[in-house]
Amino acid sequence: RLIHNKVLHNSMENIDSYNAWRKKHEEKRTMISSKFSYQPKI
C-alpha cells in the first residue's frame, strides 16, 4: 500500500493545489444541454 501510495501521491496531488485547480477550471464549465445534431443514447 505504501508503494502504491508513492506512485499516486506526489507534490502534484496536494489537496490544496487540486482544490485551487478545481476552482479555476471546473467552475467555468457551466455547460447547458445543447441541441446536438447527433444525440446517441448512452
ModelCIF file with pLDDT and N, C-alpha, C, O atoms, coordinates in Angstrom:
data_MODEL
#
_entry.id   MODEL 
#
_entity.id                         1 
_entity.type                       polymer 
_entity.pdbx_number_of_molecules   1 
#
_entity_poly.entity_id                      1 
_entity_poly.type                           'polypeptide(L)' 
_entity_poly.nstd_linkage                   no 
_entity_poly.nstd_monomer                   no 
_entity_poly.pdbx_seq_one_letter_code       RLIHNKVLHNSMENIDSYNAWRKKHEEKRTMISSKFSYQPKI 
_entity_poly.pdbx_seq_one_letter_code_can   RLIHNKVLHNSMENIDSYNAWRKKHEEKRTMISSKFSYQPKI 
_entity_poly.pdbx_strand_id                 A 
#
loop_
_entity_poly_seq.entity_id 
_entity_poly_seq.num 
_entity_poly_seq.mon_id 
_entity_poly_seq.hetero 
1 1  ARG n 
1 2  LEU n 
1 3  ILE n 
1 4  HIS n 
1 5  ASN n 
1 6  LYS n 
1 7  VAL n 
1 8  LEU n 
1 9  HIS n 
1 10 ASN n 
1 11 SER n 
1 12 MET n 
1 13 GLU n 
1 14 ASN n 
1 15 ILE n 
1 16 ASP n 
1 17 SER n 
1 18 TYR n 
1 19 ASN n 
1 20 ALA n 
1 21 TRP n 
1 22 ARG n 
1 23 LYS n 
1 24 LYS n 
1 25 HIS n 
1 26 GLU n 
1 27 GLU n 
1 28 LYS n 
1 29 ARG n 
1 30 THR n 
1 31 MET n 
1 32 ILE n 
1 33 SER n 
1 34 SER n 
1 35 LYS n 
1 36 PHE n 
1 37 SER n 
1 38 TYR n 
1 39 GLN n 
1 40 PRO n 
1 41 LYS n 
1 42 ILE n 
#
_struct_asym.id          A 
_struct_asym.entity_id   1 
#
loop_
_ma_qa_metric.id 
_ma_qa_metric.mode 
_ma_qa_metric.name 
_ma_qa_metric.software_group_id 
_ma_qa_metric.type 
1 global pLDDT . pLDDT 
2 local  pLDDT . pLDDT 
#
_ma_qa_metric_global.metric_id      1 
_ma_qa_metric_global.metric_value   69.07 
_ma_qa_metric_global.model_id       1 
_ma_qa_metric_global.ordinal_id     1 
#
loop_
_ma_qa_metric_local.label_asym_id 
_ma_qa_metric_local.label_comp_id 
_ma_qa_metric_local.label_seq_id 
_ma_qa_metric_local.metric_id 
_ma_qa_metric_local.metric_value 
_ma_qa_metric_local.model_id 
_ma_qa_metric_local.ordinal_id 
A ARG 1  2 35.00 1 1  
A LEU 2  2 37.00 1 2  
A ILE 3  2 38.00 1 3  
A HIS 4  2 44.00 1 4  
A ASN 5  2 46.00 1 5  
A LYS 6  2 47.00 1 6  
A VAL 7  2 49.00 1 7  
A LEU 8  2 46.00 1 8  
A HIS 9  2 45.00 1 9  
A ASN 10 2 47.00 1 10 
A SER 11 2 42.00 1 11 
A MET 12 2 50.00 1 12 
A GLU 13 2 55.00 1 13 
A ASN 14 2 73.00 1 14 
A ILE 15 2 83.00 1 15 
A ASP 16 2 83.00 1 16 
A SER 17 2 86.00 1 17 
A TYR 18 2 89.00 1 18 
A ASN 19 2 89.00 1 19 
A ALA 20 2 89.00 1 20 
A TRP 21 2 90.00 1 21 
A ARG 22 2 91.00 1 22 
A LYS 23 2 88.00 1 23 
A LYS 24 2 86.00 1 24 
A HIS 25 2 85.00 1 25 
A GLU 26 2 81.00 1 26 
A GLU 27 2 62.00 1 27 
A LYS 28 2 59.00 1 28 
A ARG 29 2 56.00 1 29 
A THR 30 2 55.00 1 30 
A MET 31 2 55.00 1 31 
A ILE 32 2 57.00 1 32 
A SER 33 2 57.00 1 33 
A SER 34 2 63.00 1 34 
A LYS 35 2 77.00 1 35 
A PHE 36 2 89.00 1 36 
A SER 37 2 93.00 1 37 
A TYR 38 2 95.00 1 38 
A GLN 39 2 96.00 1 39 
A PRO 40 2 97.00 1 40 
A LYS 41 2 98.00 1 41 
A ILE 42 2 98.00 1 42 
#
loop_
_atom_site.group_PDB 
_atom_site.id 
_atom_site.type_symbol 
_atom_site.label_atom_id 
_atom_site.label_alt_id 
_atom_site.label_comp_id 
_atom_site.label_asym_id 
_atom_site.label_entity_id 
_atom_site.label_seq_id 
_atom_site.pdbx_PDB_ins_code 
_atom_site.Cartn_x 
_atom_site.Cartn_y 
_atom_site.Cartn_z 
_atom_site.occupancy 
_atom_site.B_iso_or_equiv 
_atom_site.pdbx_formal_charge 
_atom_site.auth_seq_id 
_atom_site.auth_comp_id 
_atom_site.auth_asym_id 
_atom_site.auth_atom_id 
_atom_site.pdbx_PDB_model_num 
ATOM 1   N N  . ARG A 1 1  ? 0.836   -1.204 0.000   1.00 35.00 ? 1  ARG A N  1 
ATOM 2   C CA . ARG A 1 1  ? 0.000   0.000  0.000   1.00 35.00 ? 1  ARG A CA 1 
ATOM 3   C C  . ARG A 1 1  ? 0.869   1.251  0.000   1.00 35.00 ? 1  ARG A C  1 
ATOM 4   O O  . ARG A 1 1  ? 0.559   2.235  -0.672  1.00 35.00 ? 1  ARG A O  1 
ATOM 5   N N  . LEU A 1 2  ? 1.974   1.202  0.771   1.00 37.00 ? 2  LEU A N  1 
ATOM 6   C CA . LEU A 1 2  ? 2.879   2.344  0.808   1.00 37.00 ? 2  LEU A CA 1 
ATOM 7   C C  . LEU A 1 2  ? 3.486   2.593  -0.558  1.00 37.00 ? 2  LEU A C  1 
ATOM 8   O O  . LEU A 1 2  ? 3.610   3.738  -0.991  1.00 37.00 ? 2  LEU A O  1 
ATOM 9   N N  . ILE A 1 3  ? 3.870   1.496  -1.252  1.00 38.00 ? 3  ILE A N  1 
ATOM 10  C CA . ILE A 1 3  ? 4.423   1.621  -2.597  1.00 38.00 ? 3  ILE A CA 1 
ATOM 11  C C  . ILE A 1 3  ? 3.394   2.205  -3.536  1.00 38.00 ? 3  ILE A C  1 
ATOM 12  O O  . ILE A 1 3  ? 3.695   3.098  -4.328  1.00 38.00 ? 3  ILE A O  1 
ATOM 13  N N  . HIS A 1 4  ? 2.152   1.688  -3.441  1.00 44.00 ? 4  HIS A N  1 
ATOM 14  C CA . HIS A 1 4  ? 1.072   2.183  -4.297  1.00 44.00 ? 4  HIS A CA 1 
ATOM 15  C C  . HIS A 1 4  ? 0.841   3.669  -4.054  1.00 44.00 ? 4  HIS A C  1 
ATOM 16  O O  . HIS A 1 4  ? 0.657   4.441  -4.996  1.00 44.00 ? 4  HIS A O  1 
ATOM 17  N N  . ASN A 1 5  ? 0.853   4.060  -2.788  1.00 46.00 ? 5  ASN A N  1 
ATOM 18  C CA . ASN A 1 5  ? 0.647   5.471  -2.464  1.00 46.00 ? 5  ASN A CA 1 
ATOM 19  C C  . ASN A 1 5  ? 1.774   6.325  -2.989  1.00 46.00 ? 5  ASN A C  1 
ATOM 20  O O  . ASN A 1 5  ? 1.548   7.468  -3.385  1.00 46.00 ? 5  ASN A O  1 
ATOM 21  N N  . LYS A 1 6  ? 3.006   5.786  -3.002  1.00 47.00 ? 6  LYS A N  1 
ATOM 22  C CA . LYS A 1 6  ? 4.136   6.545  -3.534  1.00 47.00 ? 6  LYS A CA 1 
ATOM 23  C C  . LYS A 1 6  ? 3.943   6.836  -5.015  1.00 47.00 ? 6  LYS A C  1 
ATOM 24  O O  . LYS A 1 6  ? 4.332   7.893  -5.511  1.00 47.00 ? 6  LYS A O  1 
ATOM 25  N N  . VAL A 1 7  ? 3.332   5.875  -5.717  1.00 49.00 ? 7  VAL A N  1 
ATOM 26  C CA . VAL A 1 7  ? 3.065   6.075  -7.138  1.00 49.00 ? 7  VAL A CA 1 
ATOM 27  C C  . VAL A 1 7  ? 2.031   7.166  -7.344  1.00 49.00 ? 7  VAL A C  1 
ATOM 28  O O  . VAL A 1 7  ? 2.170   8.009  -8.230  1.00 49.00 ? 7  VAL A O  1 
ATOM 29  N N  . LEU A 1 8  ? 0.978   7.144  -6.508  1.00 46.00 ? 8  LEU A N  1 
ATOM 30  C CA . LEU A 1 8  ? -0.155  8.029  -6.755  1.00 46.00 ? 8  LEU A CA 1 
ATOM 31  C C  . LEU A 1 8  ? -0.080  9.347  -6.002  1.00 46.00 ? 8  LEU A C  1 
ATOM 32  O O  . LEU A 1 8  ? -0.710  10.324 -6.407  1.00 46.00 ? 8  LEU A O  1 
ATOM 33  N N  . HIS A 1 9  ? 0.679   9.392  -4.916  1.00 45.00 ? 9  HIS A N  1 
ATOM 34  C CA . HIS A 1 9  ? 0.723   10.610 -4.105  1.00 45.00 ? 9  HIS A CA 1 
ATOM 35  C C  . HIS A 1 9  ? 2.062   11.312 -4.311  1.00 45.00 ? 9  HIS A C  1 
ATOM 36  O O  . HIS A 1 9  ? 3.098   10.793 -3.896  1.00 45.00 ? 9  HIS A O  1 
ATOM 37  N N  . ASN A 1 10 ? 2.055   12.457 -4.931  1.00 47.00 ? 10 ASN A N  1 
ATOM 38  C CA . ASN A 1 10 ? 3.265   13.257 -5.012  1.00 47.00 ? 10 ASN A CA 1 
ATOM 39  C C  . ASN A 1 10 ? 2.873   14.712 -4.920  1.00 47.00 ? 10 ASN A C  1 
ATOM 40  O O  . ASN A 1 10 ? 1.717   15.018 -4.628  1.00 47.00 ? 10 ASN A O  1 
ATOM 41  N N  . SER A 1 11 ? 3.805   15.620 -5.161  1.00 42.00 ? 11 SER A N  1 
ATOM 42  C CA . SER A 1 11 ? 3.520   17.044 -4.982  1.00 42.00 ? 11 SER A CA 1 
ATOM 43  C C  . SER A 1 11 ? 2.385   17.519 -5.859  1.00 42.00 ? 11 SER A C  1 
ATOM 44  O O  . SER A 1 11 ? 1.720   18.510 -5.558  1.00 42.00 ? 11 SER A O  1 
ATOM 45  N N  . MET A 1 12 ? 2.164   16.787 -6.970  1.00 50.00 ? 12 MET A N  1 
ATOM 46  C CA . MET A 1 12 ? 1.108   17.202 -7.880  1.00 50.00 ? 12 MET A CA 1 
ATOM 47  C C  . MET A 1 12 ? -0.267  17.012 -7.264  1.00 50.00 ? 12 MET A C  1 
ATOM 48  O O  . MET A 1 12 ? -1.216  17.692 -7.653  1.00 50.00 ? 12 MET A O  1 
ATOM 49  N N  . GLU A 1 13 ? -0.390  16.088 -6.300  1.00 55.00 ? 13 GLU A N  1 
ATOM 50  C CA . GLU A 1 13 ? -1.702  15.720 -5.804  1.00 55.00 ? 13 GLU A CA 1 
ATOM 51  C C  . GLU A 1 13 ? -1.993  16.321 -4.425  1.00 55.00 ? 13 GLU A C  1 
ATOM 52  O O  . GLU A 1 13 ? -2.861  15.823 -3.708  1.00 55.00 ? 13 GLU A O  1 
ATOM 53  N N  . ASN A 1 14 ? -1.298  17.354 -4.059  1.00 73.00 ? 14 ASN A N  1 
ATOM 54  C CA . ASN A 1 14 ? -1.618  18.076 -2.849  1.00 73.00 ? 14 ASN A CA 1 
ATOM 55  C C  . ASN A 1 14 ? -3.060  18.561 -2.924  1.00 73.00 ? 14 ASN A C  1 
ATOM 56  O O  . ASN A 1 14 ? -3.465  19.159 -3.920  1.00 73.00 ? 14 ASN A O  1 
ATOM 57  N N  . ILE A 1 15 ? -3.844  18.300 -1.859  1.00 83.00 ? 15 ILE A N  1 
ATOM 58  C CA . ILE A 1 15 ? -5.277  18.617 -1.903  1.00 83.00 ? 15 ILE A CA 1 
ATOM 59  C C  . ILE A 1 15 ? -5.508  20.101 -2.128  1.00 83.00 ? 15 ILE A C  1 
ATOM 60  O O  . ILE A 1 15 ? -6.416  20.475 -2.871  1.00 83.00 ? 15 ILE A O  1 
ATOM 61  N N  . ASP A 1 16 ? -4.705  20.955 -1.502  1.00 83.00 ? 16 ASP A N  1 
ATOM 62  C CA . ASP A 1 16 ? -4.880  22.405 -1.687  1.00 83.00 ? 16 ASP A CA 1 
ATOM 63  C C  . ASP A 1 16 ? -4.641  22.804 -3.138  1.00 83.00 ? 16 ASP A C  1 
ATOM 64  O O  . ASP A 1 16 ? -5.372  23.623 -3.695  1.00 83.00 ? 16 ASP A O  1 
ATOM 65  N N  . SER A 1 17 ? -3.600  22.212 -3.751  1.00 86.00 ? 17 SER A N  1 
ATOM 66  C CA . SER A 1 17 ? -3.329  22.516 -5.159  1.00 86.00 ? 17 SER A CA 1 
ATOM 67  C C  . SER A 1 17 ? -4.471  22.052 -6.044  1.00 86.00 ? 17 SER A C  1 
ATOM 68  O O  . SER A 1 17 ? -4.880  22.746 -6.975  1.00 86.00 ? 17 SER A O  1 
ATOM 69  N N  . TYR A 1 18 ? -4.981  20.859 -5.735  1.00 89.00 ? 18 TYR A N  1 
ATOM 70  C CA . TYR A 1 18 ? -6.077  20.331 -6.548  1.00 89.00 ? 18 TYR A CA 1 
ATOM 71  C C  . TYR A 1 18 ? -7.337  21.179 -6.377  1.00 89.00 ? 18 TYR A C  1 
ATOM 72  O O  . TYR A 1 18 ? -8.042  21.447 -7.350  1.00 89.00 ? 18 TYR A O  1 
ATOM 73  N N  . ASN A 1 19 ? -7.619  21.597 -5.155  1.00 89.00 ? 19 ASN A N  1 
ATOM 74  C CA . ASN A 1 19 ? -8.786  22.457 -4.940  1.00 89.00 ? 19 ASN A CA 1 
ATOM 75  C C  . ASN A 1 19 ? -8.642  23.789 -5.675  1.00 89.00 ? 19 ASN A C  1 
ATOM 76  O O  . ASN A 1 19 ? -9.620  24.327 -6.194  1.00 89.00 ? 19 ASN A O  1 
ATOM 77  N N  . ALA A 1 20 ? -7.414  24.319 -5.716  1.00 89.00 ? 20 ALA A N  1 
ATOM 78  C CA . ALA A 1 20 ? -7.179  25.569 -6.457  1.00 89.00 ? 20 ALA A CA 1 
ATOM 79  C C  . ALA A 1 20 ? -7.405  25.351 -7.950  1.00 89.00 ? 20 ALA A C  1 
ATOM 80  O O  . ALA A 1 20 ? -7.977  26.200 -8.633  1.00 89.00 ? 20 ALA A O  1 
ATOM 81  N N  . TRP A 1 21 ? -6.951  24.206 -8.443  1.00 90.00 ? 21 TRP A N  1 
ATOM 82  C CA . TRP A 1 21 ? -7.187  23.879 -9.866  1.00 90.00 ? 21 TRP A CA 1 
ATOM 83  C C  . TRP A 1 21 ? -8.672  23.768 -10.154 1.00 90.00 ? 21 TRP A C  1 
ATOM 84  O O  . TRP A 1 21 ? -9.154  24.298 -11.156 1.00 90.00 ? 21 TRP A O  1 
ATOM 85  N N  . ARG A 1 22 ? -9.406  23.080 -9.278  1.00 91.00 ? 22 ARG A N  1 
ATOM 86  C CA . ARG A 1 22 ? -10.845 22.900 -9.481  1.00 91.00 ? 22 ARG A CA 1 
ATOM 87  C C  . ARG A 1 22 ? -11.572 24.238 -9.495  1.00 91.00 ? 22 ARG A C  1 
ATOM 88  O O  . ARG A 1 22 ? -12.465 24.459 -10.313 1.00 91.00 ? 22 ARG A O  1 
ATOM 89  N N  . LYS A 1 23 ? -11.191 25.117 -8.598  1.00 88.00 ? 23 LYS A N  1 
ATOM 90  C CA . LYS A 1 23 ? -11.862 26.421 -8.531  1.00 88.00 ? 23 LYS A CA 1 
ATOM 91  C C  . LYS A 1 23 ? -11.639 27.218 -9.802  1.00 88.00 ? 23 LYS A C  1 
ATOM 92  O O  . LYS A 1 23 ? -12.533 27.927 -10.266 1.00 88.00 ? 23 LYS A O  1 
ATOM 93  N N  . LYS A 1 24 ? -10.454 27.102 -10.360 1.00 86.00 ? 24 LYS A N  1 
ATOM 94  C CA . LYS A 1 24 ? -10.134 27.873 -11.562 1.00 86.00 ? 24 LYS A CA 1 
ATOM 95  C C  . LYS A 1 24 ? -10.742 27.273 -12.808 1.00 86.00 ? 24 LYS A C  1 
ATOM 96  O O  . LYS A 1 24 ? -11.184 28.007 -13.692 1.00 86.00 ? 24 LYS A O  1 
ATOM 97  N N  . HIS A 1 25 ? -10.775 25.954 -12.901 1.00 85.00 ? 25 HIS A N  1 
ATOM 98  C CA . HIS A 1 25 ? -11.157 25.301 -14.150 1.00 85.00 ? 25 HIS A CA 1 
ATOM 99  C C  . HIS A 1 25 ? -12.578 24.750 -14.151 1.00 85.00 ? 25 HIS A C  1 
ATOM 100 O O  . HIS A 1 25 ? -13.298 24.892 -15.140 1.00 85.00 ? 25 HIS A O  1 
ATOM 101 N N  . GLU A 1 26 ? -12.986 24.122 -13.048 1.00 81.00 ? 26 GLU A N  1 
ATOM 102 C CA . GLU A 1 26 ? -14.280 23.459 -13.081 1.00 81.00 ? 26 GLU A CA 1 
ATOM 103 C C  . GLU A 1 26 ? -15.449 24.420 -12.981 1.00 81.00 ? 26 GLU A C  1 
ATOM 104 O O  . GLU A 1 26 ? -16.499 24.159 -13.569 1.00 81.00 ? 26 GLU A O  1 
ATOM 105 N N  . GLU A 1 27 ? -15.307 25.523 -12.258 1.00 62.00 ? 27 GLU A N  1 
ATOM 106 C CA . GLU A 1 27 ? -16.416 26.461 -12.139 1.00 62.00 ? 27 GLU A CA 1 
ATOM 107 C C  . GLU A 1 27 ? -16.734 27.151 -13.455 1.00 62.00 ? 27 GLU A C  1 
ATOM 108 O O  . GLU A 1 27 ? -17.824 27.693 -13.630 1.00 62.00 ? 27 GLU A O  1 
ATOM 109 N N  . LYS A 1 28 ? -15.779 27.129 -14.381 1.00 59.00 ? 28 LYS A N  1 
ATOM 110 C CA . LYS A 1 28 ? -16.014 27.736 -15.688 1.00 59.00 ? 28 LYS A CA 1 
ATOM 111 C C  . LYS A 1 28 ? -16.766 26.800 -16.622 1.00 59.00 ? 28 LYS A C  1 
ATOM 112 O O  . LYS A 1 28 ? -17.217 27.211 -17.692 1.00 59.00 ? 28 LYS A O  1 
ATOM 113 N N  . ARG A 1 29 ? -16.900 25.539 -16.217 1.00 56.00 ? 29 ARG A N  1 
ATOM 114 C CA . ARG A 1 29 ? -17.530 24.563 -17.102 1.00 56.00 ? 29 ARG A CA 1 
ATOM 115 C C  . ARG A 1 29 ? -19.030 24.490 -16.819 1.00 56.00 ? 29 ARG A C  1 
ATOM 116 O O  . ARG A 1 29 ? -19.540 23.425 -16.469 1.00 56.00 ? 29 ARG A O  1 
ATOM 117 N N  . THR A 1 30 ? -19.720 25.575 -16.961 1.00 55.00 ? 30 THR A N  1 
ATOM 118 C CA . THR A 1 30 ? -21.166 25.620 -16.769 1.00 55.00 ? 30 THR A CA 1 
ATOM 119 C C  . THR A 1 30 ? -21.839 25.374 -18.105 1.00 55.00 ? 30 THR A C  1 
ATOM 120 O O  . THR A 1 30 ? -22.341 26.298 -18.745 1.00 55.00 ? 30 THR A O  1 
ATOM 121 N N  . MET A 1 31 ? -21.841 24.120 -18.515 1.00 55.00 ? 31 MET A N  1 
ATOM 122 C CA . MET A 1 31 ? -22.399 23.750 -19.812 1.00 55.00 ? 31 MET A CA 1 
ATOM 123 C C  . MET A 1 31 ? -23.908 23.596 -19.702 1.00 55.00 ? 31 MET A C  1 
ATOM 124 O O  . MET A 1 31 ? -24.436 23.320 -18.624 1.00 55.00 ? 31 MET A O  1 
ATOM 125 N N  . ILE A 1 32 ? -24.591 23.773 -20.810 1.00 57.00 ? 32 ILE A N  1 
ATOM 126 C CA . ILE A 1 32 ? -26.037 23.601 -20.863 1.00 57.00 ? 32 ILE A CA 1 
ATOM 127 C C  . ILE A 1 32 ? -26.358 22.465 -21.820 1.00 57.00 ? 32 ILE A C  1 
ATOM 128 O O  . ILE A 1 32 ? -25.512 22.045 -22.610 1.00 57.00 ? 32 ILE A O  1 
ATOM 129 N N  . SER A 1 33 ? -27.576 21.979 -21.744 1.00 57.00 ? 33 SER A N  1 
ATOM 130 C CA . SER A 1 33 ? -27.994 20.869 -22.608 1.00 57.00 ? 33 SER A CA 1 
ATOM 131 C C  . SER A 1 33 ? -28.246 21.383 -24.018 1.00 57.00 ? 33 SER A C  1 
ATOM 132 O O  . SER A 1 33 ? -29.370 21.728 -24.383 1.00 57.00 ? 33 SER A O  1 
ATOM 133 N N  . SER A 1 34 ? -27.187 21.426 -24.791 1.00 63.00 ? 34 SER A N  1 
ATOM 134 C CA . SER A 1 34 ? -27.295 21.906 -26.164 1.00 63.00 ? 34 SER A CA 1 
ATOM 135 C C  . SER A 1 34 ? -28.073 20.907 -27.005 1.00 63.00 ? 34 SER A C  1 
ATOM 136 O O  . SER A 1 34 ? -28.141 19.723 -26.674 1.00 63.00 ? 34 SER A O  1 
ATOM 137 N N  . LYS A 1 35 ? -28.649 21.380 -28.073 1.00 77.00 ? 35 LYS A N  1 
ATOM 138 C CA . LYS A 1 35 ? -29.354 20.507 -29.010 1.00 77.00 ? 35 LYS A CA 1 
ATOM 139 C C  . LYS A 1 35 ? -28.361 20.058 -30.072 1.00 77.00 ? 35 LYS A C  1 
ATOM 140 O O  . LYS A 1 35 ? -28.175 20.720 -31.094 1.00 77.00 ? 35 LYS A O  1 
ATOM 141 N N  . PHE A 1 36 ? -27.736 18.936 -29.813 1.00 89.00 ? 36 PHE A N  1 
ATOM 142 C CA . PHE A 1 36 ? -26.754 18.399 -30.746 1.00 89.00 ? 36 PHE A CA 1 
ATOM 143 C C  . PHE A 1 36 ? -27.461 17.829 -31.966 1.00 89.00 ? 36 PHE A C  1 
ATOM 144 O O  . PHE A 1 36 ? -28.593 17.352 -31.880 1.00 89.00 ? 36 PHE A O  1 
ATOM 145 N N  . SER A 1 37 ? -26.781 17.887 -33.097 1.00 93.00 ? 37 SER A N  1 
ATOM 146 C CA . SER A 1 37 ? -27.322 17.240 -34.293 1.00 93.00 ? 37 SER A CA 1 
ATOM 147 C C  . SER A 1 37 ? -27.253 15.721 -34.159 1.00 93.00 ? 37 SER A C  1 
ATOM 148 O O  . SER A 1 37 ? -28.031 14.999 -34.783 1.00 93.00 ? 37 SER A O  1 
ATOM 149 N N  . TYR A 1 38 ? -26.321 15.245 -33.345 1.00 95.00 ? 38 TYR A N  1 
ATOM 150 C CA . TYR A 1 38 ? -26.154 13.816 -33.108 1.00 95.00 ? 38 TYR A CA 1 
ATOM 151 C C  . TYR A 1 38 ? -26.330 13.577 -31.622 1.00 95.00 ? 38 TYR A C  1 
ATOM 152 O O  . TYR A 1 38 ? -25.547 14.076 -30.814 1.00 95.00 ? 38 TYR A O  1 
ATOM 153 N N  . GLN A 1 39 ? -27.352 12.819 -31.255 1.00 96.00 ? 39 GLN A N  1 
ATOM 154 C CA . GLN A 1 39 ? -27.660 12.588 -29.844 1.00 96.00 ? 39 GLN A CA 1 
ATOM 155 C C  . GLN A 1 39 ? -27.782 11.087 -29.565 1.00 96.00 ? 39 GLN A C  1 
ATOM 156 O O  . GLN A 1 39 ? -28.887 10.587 -29.354 1.00 96.00 ? 39 GLN A O  1 
ATOM 157 N N  . PRO A 1 40 ? -26.675 10.378 -29.563 1.00 97.00 ? 40 PRO A N  1 
ATOM 158 C CA . PRO A 1 40 ? -26.738 8.933  -29.321 1.00 97.00 ? 40 PRO A CA 1 
ATOM 159 C C  . PRO A 1 40 ? -27.165 8.610  -27.901 1.00 97.00 ? 40 PRO A C  1 
ATOM 160 O O  . PRO A 1 40 ? -26.860 9.344  -26.961 1.00 97.00 ? 40 PRO A O  1 
ATOM 161 N N  . LYS A 1 41 ? -27.872 7.506  -27.761 1.00 98.00 ? 41 LYS A N  1 
ATOM 162 C CA . LYS A 1 41 ? -28.204 7.041  -26.411 1.00 98.00 ? 41 LYS A CA 1 
ATOM 163 C C  . LYS A 1 41 ? -26.962 6.398  -25.803 1.00 98.00 ? 41 LYS A C  1 
ATOM 164 O O  . LYS A 1 41 ? -26.270 5.609  -26.447 1.00 98.00 ? 41 LYS A O  1 
ATOM 165 N N  . ILE A 1 42 ? -26.695 6.755  -24.542 1.00 98.00 ? 42 ILE A N  1 
ATOM 166 C CA . ILE A 1 42 ? -25.584 6.159  -23.807 1.00 98.00 ? 42 ILE A CA 1 
ATOM 167 C C  . ILE A 1 42 ? -26.158 5.317  -22.676 1.00 98.00 ? 42 ILE A C  1 
ATOM 168 O O  . ILE A 1 42 ? -25.405 4.711  -21.914 1.00 98.00 ? 42 ILE A O  1 
#
